C-alpha atoms as a PDB file:
ATOM      1  CA  MET A   1     -10.837 -10.310  -1.806  1.00  0.00           C
ATOM      2  CA  SER A   2      -8.776 -13.079  -4.024  1.00  0.00           C
ATOM      3  CA  ILE A   3      -5.025 -13.474  -5.227  1.00  0.00           C
ATOM      4  CA  GLU A   4      -4.728 -15.379  -8.053  1.00  0.00           C
ATOM      5  CA  MET A   5      -1.328 -16.486  -9.836  1.00  0.00           C
ATOM      6  CA  LYS A   6      -1.174 -18.689 -13.152  1.00  0.00           C
ATOM      7  CA  ASP A   7       2.024 -20.130 -14.436  1.00  0.00           C
ATOM      8  CA  LEU A   8       3.795 -18.145 -12.306  1.00  0.00           C
ATOM      9  CA  THR A   9       8.162 -18.416 -12.751  1.00  0.00           C
ATOM     10  CA  VAL A  10      10.932 -17.131 -10.868  1.00  0.00           C
ATOM     11  CA  THR A  11      14.570 -17.602 -12.216  1.00  0.00           C
ATOM     12  CA  PHE A  12      17.325 -15.965 -10.746  1.00  0.00           C
ATOM     13  CA  LYS A  13      20.222 -14.905 -12.791  1.00  0.00           C
ATOM     14  CA  ASN A  14      22.057 -18.006 -11.692  1.00  0.00           C
ATOM     15  CA  GLY A  15      19.320 -20.047 -13.500  1.00  0.00           C
ATOM     16  CA  VAL A  16      17.690 -21.293 -10.057  1.00  0.00           C
ATOM     17  CA  THR A  17      14.034 -21.603 -10.485  1.00  0.00           C
ATOM     18  CA  ALA A  18      12.893 -20.570  -7.144  1.00  0.00           C
ATOM     19  CA  ILE A  19       9.186 -20.492  -8.625  1.00  0.00           C
ATOM     20  CA  ASP A  20       8.488 -23.289 -11.092  1.00  0.00           C
ATOM     21  CA  HIS A  21       5.130 -22.356 -13.374  1.00  0.00           C
ATOM     22  CA  ALA A  22       2.703 -22.400 -10.421  1.00  0.00           C
ATOM     23  CA  ASP A  23      -1.105 -21.684 -10.274  1.00  0.00           C
ATOM     24  CA  LEU A  24      -2.836 -20.907  -7.028  1.00  0.00           C
ATOM     25  CA  VAL A  25      -5.844 -18.850  -6.134  1.00  0.00           C
ATOM     26  CA  ILE A  26      -5.398 -17.803  -2.087  1.00  0.00           C
ATOM     27  CA  PRO A  27      -9.489 -16.758  -0.952  1.00  0.00           C
ATOM     28  CA  LYS A  28     -10.314 -14.632   1.835  1.00  0.00           C
ATOM     29  CA  GLY A  29      -9.171 -15.822   5.555  1.00  0.00           C
ATOM     30  CA  VAL A  30      -6.204 -17.097   6.582  1.00  0.00           C
ATOM     31  CA  PHE A  31      -4.405 -19.560   4.315  1.00  0.00           C
ATOM     32  CA  GLY A  32      -1.841 -21.354   5.303  1.00  0.00           C
ATOM     33  CA  LEU A  33       1.620 -22.174   2.972  1.00  0.00           C
ATOM     34  CA  LEU A  34       3.111 -25.250   4.559  1.00  0.00           C
ATOM     35  CA  GLY A  35       6.721 -25.965   3.216  1.00  0.00           C
ATOM     36  CA  GLU A  36      10.212 -26.692   4.252  1.00  0.00           C
ATOM     37  CA  ASN A  37      13.130 -23.780   4.211  1.00  0.00           C
ATOM     38  CA  GLY A  38      13.986 -23.853   0.384  1.00  0.00           C
ATOM     39  CA  ALA A  39      10.549 -24.335  -0.905  1.00  0.00           C
ATOM     40  CA  GLY A  40      10.388 -21.074  -2.328  1.00  0.00           C
ATOM     41  CA  LYS A  41       7.811 -19.706   0.132  1.00  0.00           C
ATOM     42  CA  THR A  42       9.692 -16.615   1.006  1.00  0.00           C
ATOM     43  CA  THR A  43      10.488 -15.761  -2.682  1.00  0.00           C
ATOM     44  CA  LEU A  44       6.717 -15.958  -3.291  1.00  0.00           C
ATOM     45  CA  MET A  45       5.858 -13.092  -0.527  1.00  0.00           C
ATOM     46  CA  ARG A  46       8.318 -11.280  -2.357  1.00  0.00           C
ATOM     47  CA  VAL A  47       6.940 -11.165  -5.728  1.00  0.00           C
ATOM     48  CA  LEU A  48       3.132 -11.140  -3.631  1.00  0.00           C
ATOM     49  CA  THR A  49       4.687  -7.610  -2.164  1.00  0.00           C
ATOM     50  CA  THR A  50       5.764  -6.298  -5.297  1.00  0.00           C
ATOM     51  CA  VAL A  51       9.826  -6.567  -4.051  1.00  0.00           C
ATOM     52  CA  LEU A  52      10.497  -9.026  -6.995  1.00  0.00           C
ATOM     53  CA  THR A  53       9.281  -9.568 -10.189  1.00  0.00           C
ATOM     54  CA  PRO A  54       8.556 -12.782 -11.811  1.00  0.00           C
ATOM     55  CA  SER A  55      10.441 -14.206 -14.580  1.00  0.00           C
ATOM     56  CA  GLY A  56       6.713 -15.118 -16.285  1.00  0.00           C
ATOM     57  CA  GLY A  57       3.136 -15.822 -15.670  1.00  0.00           C
ATOM     58  CA  THR A  58       0.653 -13.336 -13.781  1.00  0.00           C
ATOM     59  CA  ILE A  59      -0.794 -12.614 -10.793  1.00  0.00           C
ATOM     60  CA  SER A  60      -3.693 -10.725 -10.113  1.00  0.00           C
ATOM     61  CA  LEU A  61      -5.140  -8.803  -6.620  1.00  0.00           C
ATOM     62  CA  ASP A  62      -8.779  -8.407  -6.529  1.00  0.00           C
ATOM     63  CA  GLY A  63      -8.676  -8.237 -10.120  1.00  0.00           C
ATOM     64  CA  ILE A  64      -5.776  -5.658  -9.857  1.00  0.00           C
ATOM     65  CA  PRO A  65      -2.787  -7.416 -12.485  1.00  0.00           C
ATOM     66  CA  TYR A  66       0.352  -7.705 -11.160  1.00  0.00           C
ATOM     67  CA  ASN A  67       2.762  -4.510 -12.824  1.00  0.00           C
ATOM     68  CA  GLU A  68       4.843  -1.772 -12.532  1.00  0.00           C
ATOM     69  CA  LYS A  69       1.661   0.986 -13.191  1.00  0.00           C
ATOM     70  CA  ASN A  70      -0.248  -0.922 -10.666  1.00  0.00           C
ATOM     71  CA  TYR A  71       2.356  -1.526  -7.720  1.00  0.00           C
ATOM     72  CA  GLY A  72       1.683   1.857  -5.621  1.00  0.00           C
ATOM     73  CA  LYS A  73      -2.206   0.674  -5.734  1.00  0.00           C
ATOM     74  CA  ILE A  74      -1.482  -2.876  -4.762  1.00  0.00           C
ATOM     75  CA  GLN A  75       0.766  -1.785  -1.584  1.00  0.00           C
ATOM     76  CA  GLN A  76      -1.780   0.381  -0.338  1.00  0.00           C
ATOM     77  CA  LYS A  77      -3.750  -3.421   0.299  1.00  0.00           C
ATOM     78  CA  ILE A  78      -1.079  -4.879   1.268  1.00  0.00           C
ATOM     79  CA  GLY A  79       0.426  -5.477   5.034  1.00  0.00           C
ATOM     80  CA  TYR A  80       3.346  -7.442   5.310  1.00  0.00           C
ATOM     81  CA  LEU A  81       5.470  -9.224   7.940  1.00  0.00           C
ATOM     82  CA  PRO A  82       9.129 -10.445   7.072  1.00  0.00           C
ATOM     83  CA  GLN A  83      10.695 -13.071   8.587  1.00  0.00           C
ATOM     84  CA  GLU A  84      13.301 -11.161   9.497  1.00  0.00           C
ATOM     85  CA  ILE A  85      12.458  -7.611  11.334  1.00  0.00           C
ATOM     86  CA  ASP A  86      14.443  -4.715  13.080  1.00  0.00           C
ATOM     87  CA  LEU A  87      12.929  -1.803  13.916  1.00  0.00           C
ATOM     88  CA  TYR A  88      14.150   1.327  15.382  1.00  0.00           C
ATOM     89  CA  PRO A  89      16.025  -0.206  18.565  1.00  0.00           C
ATOM     90  CA  GLY A  90      16.408   3.514  19.774  1.00  0.00           C
ATOM     91  CA  LEU A  91      12.589   4.469  19.675  1.00  0.00           C
ATOM     92  CA  THR A  92      10.064   3.436  21.849  1.00  0.00           C
ATOM     93  CA  VAL A  93       7.266   0.898  20.669  1.00  0.00           C
ATOM     94  CA  GLN A  94       4.766   3.764  20.577  1.00  0.00           C
ATOM     95  CA  GLU A  95       7.062   6.221  18.418  1.00  0.00           C
ATOM     96  CA  CYS A  96       8.031   3.326  16.562  1.00  0.00           C
ATOM     97  CA  LEU A  97       4.629   2.779  15.683  1.00  0.00           C
ATOM     98  CA  GLU A  98       3.531   6.529  15.290  1.00  0.00           C
ATOM     99  CA  TYR A  99       6.624   6.811  13.013  1.00  0.00           C
ATOM    100  CA  MET A 100       5.546   3.877  10.260  1.00  0.00           C
ATOM    101  CA  GLY A 101       2.229   5.169  11.101  1.00  0.00           C
ATOM    102  CA  ASP A 102       3.214   8.112   9.262  1.00  0.00           C
ATOM    103  CA  LEU A 103       5.168   6.922   6.584  1.00  0.00           C
ATOM    104  CA  ALA A 104       1.949   5.072   5.436  1.00  0.00           C
ATOM    105  CA  GLY A 105       0.275   8.379   5.345  1.00  0.00           C
ATOM    106  CA  ILE A 106      -2.190   7.209   8.134  1.00  0.00           C
ATOM    107  CA  PRO A 107      -3.536  10.454   9.754  1.00  0.00           C
ATOM    108  CA  LYS A 108      -2.050  11.331  13.293  1.00  0.00           C
ATOM    109  CA  LYS A 109      -5.312  11.044  15.305  1.00  0.00           C
ATOM    110  CA  VAL A 110      -6.230   7.438  13.530  1.00  0.00           C
ATOM    111  CA  CYS A 111      -3.271   6.016  13.996  1.00  0.00           C
ATOM    112  CA  ARG A 112      -2.677   6.580  17.549  1.00  0.00           C
ATOM    113  CA  GLU A 113      -6.661   5.113  17.902  1.00  0.00           C
ATOM    114  CA  ARG A 114      -5.114   1.831  16.032  1.00  0.00           C
ATOM    115  CA  ILE A 115      -1.901   1.718  17.972  1.00  0.00           C
ATOM    116  CA  ASP A 116      -3.960   1.685  21.473  1.00  0.00           C
ATOM    117  CA  PHE A 117      -6.636  -1.180  19.264  1.00  0.00           C
ATOM    118  CA  TYR A 118      -3.661  -2.997  17.734  1.00  0.00           C
ATOM    119  CA  LEU A 119      -1.472  -2.914  21.234  1.00  0.00           C
ATOM    120  CA  GLY A 120      -4.205  -4.495  22.986  1.00  0.00           C
ATOM    121  CA  LYS A 121      -4.956  -6.837  20.820  1.00  0.00           C
ATOM    122  CA  ALA A 122      -1.227  -8.158  21.248  1.00  0.00           C
ATOM    123  CA  SER A 123      -0.680  -8.045  24.451  1.00  0.00           C
ATOM    124  CA  LEU A 124       1.687  -5.250  24.324  1.00  0.00           C
ATOM    125  CA  THR A 125      -0.297  -1.738  26.094  1.00  0.00           C
ATOM    126  CA  GLU A 126       1.585  -1.621  29.052  1.00  0.00           C
ATOM    127  CA  HIS A 127       5.165  -2.416  27.111  1.00  0.00           C
ATOM    128  CA  ARG A 128       4.227   0.843  24.526  1.00  0.00           C
ATOM    129  CA  LYS A 129       7.006   3.082  26.378  1.00  0.00           C
ATOM    130  CA  LYS A 130       9.942   0.778  26.556  1.00  0.00           C
ATOM    131  CA  LYS A 131      12.576   0.913  23.208  1.00  0.00           C
ATOM    132  CA  MET A 132      12.408  -1.414  20.955  1.00  0.00           C
ATOM    133  CA  LYS A 133      15.616  -2.938  22.073  1.00  0.00           C
ATOM    134  CA  GLN A 134      14.371  -3.736  25.072  1.00  0.00           C
ATOM    135  CA  LEU A 135      11.789  -6.165  24.114  1.00  0.00           C
ATOM    136  CA  SER A 136      11.929  -9.944  23.452  1.00  0.00           C
ATOM    137  CA  GLY A 137      12.207 -11.809  20.204  1.00  0.00           C
ATOM    138  CA  GLY A 138       8.417 -12.526  20.714  1.00  0.00           C
ATOM    139  CA  MET A 139       7.475  -9.072  21.628  1.00  0.00           C
ATOM    140  CA  LYS A 140       9.194  -7.620  18.743  1.00  0.00           C
ATOM    141  CA  ARG A 141       7.599  -9.960  16.236  1.00  0.00           C
ATOM    142  CA  ARG A 142       4.183  -8.866  17.745  1.00  0.00           C
ATOM    143  CA  VAL A 143       5.459  -5.016  17.328  1.00  0.00           C
ATOM    144  CA  GLY A 144       6.405  -6.092  13.509  1.00  0.00           C
ATOM    145  CA  LEU A 145       2.874  -7.256  13.106  1.00  0.00           C
ATOM    146  CA  VAL A 146       1.088  -4.727  14.430  1.00  0.00           C
ATOM    147  CA  GLN A 147       2.638  -1.663  11.995  1.00  0.00           C
ATOM    148  CA  ALA A 148       1.690  -4.598   9.473  1.00  0.00           C
ATOM    149  CA  LEU A 149      -1.800  -4.103  10.757  1.00  0.00           C
ATOM    150  CA  LEU A 150      -1.550  -0.005  11.100  1.00  0.00           C
ATOM    151  CA  HIS A 151      -3.118   0.923   7.873  1.00  0.00           C
ATOM    152  CA  GLU A 152      -6.190  -1.922   7.944  1.00  0.00           C
ATOM    153  CA  PRO A 153      -4.531  -3.916   4.962  1.00  0.00           C
ATOM    154  CA  GLU A 154      -6.750  -6.138   2.829  1.00  0.00           C
ATOM    155  CA  PHE A 155      -4.059  -8.447   2.428  1.00  0.00           C
ATOM    156  CA  LEU A 156      -1.699  -9.561   5.226  1.00  0.00           C
ATOM    157  CA  ILE A 157       1.224 -11.486   4.729  1.00  0.00           C
ATOM    158  CA  VAL A 158       3.154 -12.991   7.317  1.00  0.00           C
ATOM    159  CA  ASP A 159       6.454 -15.027   6.693  1.00  0.00           C
ATOM    160  CA  GLU A 160       7.166 -17.517   9.307  1.00  0.00           C
ATOM    161  CA  PRO A 161       5.828 -14.898  12.381  1.00  0.00           C
ATOM    162  CA  THR A 162       6.393 -18.067  15.173  1.00  0.00           C
ATOM    163  CA  THR A 163       9.625 -19.501  14.372  1.00  0.00           C
ATOM    164  CA  GLY A 164      11.302 -19.291  17.532  1.00  0.00           C
ATOM    165  CA  LEU A 165       8.789 -18.126  19.657  1.00  0.00           C
ATOM    166  CA  ASP A 166       7.435 -19.654  23.303  1.00  0.00           C
ATOM    167  CA  PRO A 167       3.905 -21.122  22.880  1.00  0.00           C
ATOM    168  CA  GLU A 168       2.138 -18.449  24.665  1.00  0.00           C
ATOM    169  CA  GLU A 169       3.788 -16.266  22.004  1.00  0.00           C
ATOM    170  CA  ARG A 170       2.718 -18.450  19.284  1.00  0.00           C
ATOM    171  CA  ILE A 171      -0.755 -18.787  20.487  1.00  0.00           C
ATOM    172  CA  ARG A 172      -1.178 -14.700  21.108  1.00  0.00           C
ATOM    173  CA  ILE A 173       0.790 -14.232  17.067  1.00  0.00           C
ATOM    174  CA  ARG A 174      -2.310 -16.918  16.055  1.00  0.00           C
ATOM    175  CA  ASN A 175      -5.158 -15.693  17.488  1.00  0.00           C
ATOM    176  CA  LEU A 176      -4.092 -12.038  16.507  1.00  0.00           C
ATOM    177  CA  LEU A 177      -4.159 -13.393  12.654  1.00  0.00           C
ATOM    178  CA  VAL A 178      -7.474 -15.145  12.947  1.00  0.00           C
ATOM    179  CA  ASP A 179      -9.025 -12.315  14.902  1.00  0.00           C
ATOM    180  CA  PHE A 180      -7.635  -9.574  11.894  1.00  0.00           C
ATOM    181  CA  SER A 181      -8.992 -12.341   9.061  1.00  0.00           C
ATOM    182  CA  GLU A 182     -12.446 -11.902   9.364  1.00  0.00           C
ATOM    183  CA  GLY A 183     -13.497 -10.240   5.672  1.00  0.00           C
ATOM    184  CA  ARG A 184      -9.733 -10.085   4.587  1.00  0.00           C
ATOM    185  CA  THR A 185      -7.126 -12.465   2.959  1.00  0.00           C
ATOM    186  CA  VAL A 186      -4.522 -13.455   5.449  1.00  0.00           C
ATOM    187  CA  LEU A 187      -1.329 -15.825   3.642  1.00  0.00           C
ATOM    188  CA  PHE A 188       0.555 -17.339   6.652  1.00  0.00           C
ATOM    189  CA  SER A 189       3.313 -18.820   5.512  1.00  0.00           C
ATOM    190  CA  THR A 190       5.352 -21.560   7.381  1.00  0.00           C
ATOM    191  CA  HIS A 191       7.113 -24.687   8.294  1.00  0.00           C
ATOM    192  CA  VAL A 192       5.390 -25.343  11.878  1.00  0.00           C
ATOM    193  CA  VAL A 193       2.757 -27.680  11.014  1.00  0.00           C
ATOM    194  CA  GLU A 194       0.273 -27.441  14.510  1.00  0.00           C
ATOM    195  CA  ASP A 195       0.356 -23.332  13.630  1.00  0.00           C
ATOM    196  CA  LEU A 196      -1.812 -24.240  10.539  1.00  0.00           C
ATOM    197  CA  VAL A 197      -3.705 -26.723  12.317  1.00  0.00           C
ATOM    198  CA  ALA A 198      -4.492 -23.751  14.906  1.00  0.00           C
ATOM    199  CA  THR A 199      -5.831 -21.014  12.238  1.00  0.00           C
ATOM    200  CA  CYS A 200      -6.967 -21.988   8.639  1.00  0.00           C
ATOM    201  CA  SER A 201      -8.846 -24.281   6.895  1.00  0.00           C
ATOM    202  CA  GLN A 202      -7.211 -23.901   3.656  1.00  0.00           C
ATOM    203  CA  LEU A 203      -4.075 -24.061   2.648  1.00  0.00           C
ATOM    204  CA  ALA A 204      -1.022 -25.032  -0.038  1.00  0.00           C
ATOM    205  CA  VAL A 205       1.917 -27.567   0.233  1.00  0.00           C
ATOM    206  CA  MET A 206       4.893 -26.179  -1.637  1.00  0.00           C
ATOM    207  CA  LYS A 207       8.018 -27.829  -2.864  1.00  0.00           C
ATOM    208  CA  LYS A 208      10.840 -26.745  -4.636  1.00  0.00           C
ATOM    209  CA  GLY A 209       9.022 -23.847  -6.218  1.00  0.00           C
ATOM    210  CA  ARG A 210       5.802 -26.198  -6.836  1.00  0.00           C
ATOM    211  CA  PHE A 211       2.174 -26.765  -5.301  1.00  0.00           C
ATOM    212  CA  LEU A 212       2.107 -30.292  -4.649  1.00  0.00           C
ATOM    213  CA  TYR A 213      -1.300 -29.418  -2.926  1.00  0.00           C
ATOM    214  CA  ALA A 214      -3.958 -26.427  -2.477  1.00  0.00           C
ATOM    215  CA  GLY A 215      -7.247 -26.794  -1.050  1.00  0.00           C
ATOM    216  CA  GLY A 216      -9.094 -27.932   1.960  1.00  0.00           C
ATOM    217  CA  MET A 217      -7.028 -28.929   5.348  1.00  0.00           C
ATOM    218  CA  ARG A 218      -9.258 -32.179   5.360  1.00  0.00           C
ATOM    219  CA  GLU A 219      -8.931 -32.945   1.501  1.00  0.00           C
ATOM    220  CA  LEU A 220      -5.449 -32.779   2.529  1.00  0.00           C
ATOM    221  CA  LEU A 221      -5.678 -35.200   5.638  1.00  0.00           C
ATOM    222  CA  GLY A 222      -7.926 -37.575   3.482  1.00  0.00           C
ATOM    223  CA  LYS A 223      -4.887 -38.302   1.364  1.00  0.00           C
ATOM    224  CA  ALA A 224      -2.675 -40.019   3.848  1.00  0.00           C
ATOM    225  CA  GLU A 225      -6.057 -42.020   5.013  1.00  0.00           C
ATOM    226  CA  GLY A 226      -4.854 -45.663   5.204  1.00  0.00           C
ATOM    227  CA  HIS A 227      -1.272 -44.862   5.202  1.00  0.00           C
ATOM    228  CA  VAL A 228      -0.281 -43.797   8.204  1.00  0.00           C
ATOM    229  CA  TRP A 229       1.073 -47.072  11.039  1.00  0.00           C
ATOM    230  CA  LEU A 230       1.711 -47.201  14.681  1.00  0.00           C
ATOM    231  CA  CYS A 231       4.516 -49.672  14.858  1.00  0.00           C
ATOM    232  CA  ARG A 232       5.909 -51.304  18.053  1.00  0.00           C
ATOM    233  CA  VAL A 233       9.672 -52.164  17.974  1.00  0.00           C
ATOM    234  CA  ASP A 234      11.784 -53.517  20.691  1.00  0.00           C
ATOM    235  CA  SER A 235      15.155 -51.789  19.927  1.00  0.00           C
ATOM    236  CA  GLU A 236      16.275 -48.879  18.177  1.00  0.00           C
ATOM    237  CA  GLU A 237      18.027 -51.153  15.697  1.00  0.00           C
ATOM    238  CA  GLU A 238      14.665 -52.250  14.575  1.00  0.00           C
ATOM    239  CA  ALA A 239      13.381 -48.589  14.426  1.00  0.00           C
ATOM    240  CA  ARG A 240      16.246 -47.699  12.236  1.00  0.00           C
ATOM    241  CA  GLU A 241      15.389 -50.068  10.047  1.00  0.00           C
ATOM    242  CA  LEU A 242      11.818 -48.602   9.693  1.00  0.00           C
ATOM    243  CA  GLU A 243      13.557 -45.523   9.259  1.00  0.00           C
ATOM    244  CA  ARG A 244      15.270 -46.802   6.275  1.00  0.00           C
ATOM    245  CA  LYS A 245      12.649 -48.467   4.620  1.00  0.00           C
ATOM    246  CA  TYR A 246       9.626 -46.005   4.786  1.00  0.00           C
ATOM    247  CA  HIS A 247       8.991 -42.296   6.138  1.00  0.00           C
ATOM    248  CA  VAL A 248       8.899 -42.022   9.883  1.00  0.00           C
ATOM    249  CA  SER A 249       7.011 -38.811  11.303  1.00  0.00           C
ATOM    250  CA  SER A 250       8.207 -39.906  15.316  1.00  0.00           C
ATOM    251  CA  LYS A 251       9.497 -42.141  17.607  1.00  0.00           C
ATOM    252  CA  GLN A 252       8.109 -42.447  21.127  1.00  0.00           C
ATOM    253  CA  TYR A 253       9.947 -44.528  23.948  1.00  0.00           C
ATOM    254  CA  ALA A 254       7.267 -46.550  25.869  1.00  0.00           C
ATOM    255  CA  ASP A 255       7.190 -49.490  28.772  1.00  0.00           C
ATOM    256  CA  ASP A 256       7.168 -51.959  26.134  1.00  0.00           C
ATOM    257  CA  GLY A 257       9.349 -50.641  23.464  1.00  0.00           C
ATOM    258  CA  LEU A 258       9.901 -47.969  20.756  1.00  0.00           C
ATOM    259  CA  ARG A 259       6.380 -46.924  19.650  1.00  0.00           C
ATOM    260  CA  VAL A 260       7.325 -45.854  15.750  1.00  0.00           C
ATOM    261  CA  ARG A 261       4.646 -43.664  13.257  1.00  0.00           C
ATOM    262  CA  VAL A 262       5.353 -44.910   9.719  1.00  0.00           C
ATOM    263  CA  LEU A 263       3.828 -44.004   6.586  1.00  0.00           C
ATOM    264  CA  SER A 264       3.739 -46.409   4.163  1.00  0.00           C
ATOM    265  CA  GLU A 265       1.031 -47.385   1.315  1.00  0.00           C
ATOM    266  CA  GLU A 266       1.304 -50.965   2.830  1.00  0.00           C
ATOM    267  CA  ARG A 267       1.319 -52.531   6.410  1.00  0.00           C
ATOM    268  CA  PRO A 268       4.768 -52.267   7.265  1.00  0.00           C
ATOM    269  CA  GLY A 269       5.038 -55.220   9.904  1.00  0.00           C
ATOM    270  CA  VAL A 270       3.010 -57.580  12.066  1.00  0.00           C
ATOM    271  CA  GLU A 271       3.001 -55.072  15.167  1.00  0.00           C
ATOM    272  CA  CYS A 272       1.833 -52.141  13.526  1.00  0.00           C
ATOM    273  CA  THR A 273      -1.920 -50.857  13.369  1.00  0.00           C
ATOM    274  CA  GLU A 274      -3.599 -48.003  11.031  1.00  0.00           C
ATOM    275  CA  GLY A 275      -3.588 -44.410  12.841  1.00  0.00           C
ATOM    276  CA  LYS A 276      -5.220 -41.414  12.978  1.00  0.00           C
ATOM    277  CA  VAL A 277      -4.084 -38.912  10.470  1.00  0.00           C
ATOM    278  CA  THR A 278      -2.197 -35.661  11.693  1.00  0.00           C
ATOM    279  CA  LEU A 279      -1.609 -33.000   9.745  1.00  0.00           C
ATOM    280  CA  GLU A 280       2.152 -33.721   9.876  1.00  0.00           C
ATOM    281  CA  ASP A 281       1.262 -36.714   8.421  1.00  0.00           C
ATOM    282  CA  ALA A 282      -0.486 -35.393   5.205  1.00  0.00           C
ATOM    283  CA  TYR A 283       2.620 -32.942   4.840  1.00  0.00           C
ATOM    284  CA  ILE A 284       5.184 -35.657   5.021  1.00  0.00           C
ATOM    285  CA  TYR A 285       3.091 -38.137   2.769  1.00  0.00           C
ATOM    286  CA  VAL A 286       1.973 -35.055  -0.155  1.00  0.00           C
ATOM    287  CA  ALA A 287       5.546 -34.176   0.041  1.00  0.00           C
ATOM    288  CA  HIS A 288       7.377 -37.489  -0.371  1.00  0.00           C
ATOM    289  CA  LYS A 289       4.896 -39.170  -2.182  1.00  0.00           C
END
């Protein structure tokens, strides 16, 4: 299962181009899509789920071209967890999932077996009799993910699944995505860098509708090698001066002053040593190069 897009373009009626002549191949496994808000990630999700028809270019899913006559076939292969989800607040978790399974045409016995399995995977078994409106935001997000998995799609698309969740909830969702990705394709769209470090080895960086990078995590880290500096300064004023001149990924107070993490082609100052590259560094470096 792979997804291939060539020269993909989405321009809205107001003249705004959300995706600008983009080329990308999404292979099996968990594939990360990293970019700031407004980068075009959600528009891409809408195109891939057949909600939005592109203005130009081509997409194929496992060799099936995206066009109206194939949309039904494509939709059967896709599972989708949108950024915002509100599943029938008056129904219990079990009722909600059974109803969604029925809408997807899954036989009742099979559906119940899958509900049992995925509720267990998502640590939700003991909450199955609770009404959706009683659940926390993280639980609702996990139920949303379970409903996206019920028909066992070949291609799962998740849009910002961990935003606003506590660390435990984020870990549960990340682990569930990794488990499900075996033999399948999962597109994990986020702006939370550490989520991608924990789940995928392949990713793309998106900015203003274009892909600045697509490939392996290791290769992306290599792009920022030699450009990350750990600088010690004595005051906030000196730190602000560095921020005016360079891209700063972090600042930390220490006993001997401020430690500032700087991205620069050259050593920014005397009290700066080369630092080990993180994904966040590499992302900022590529996005602002």
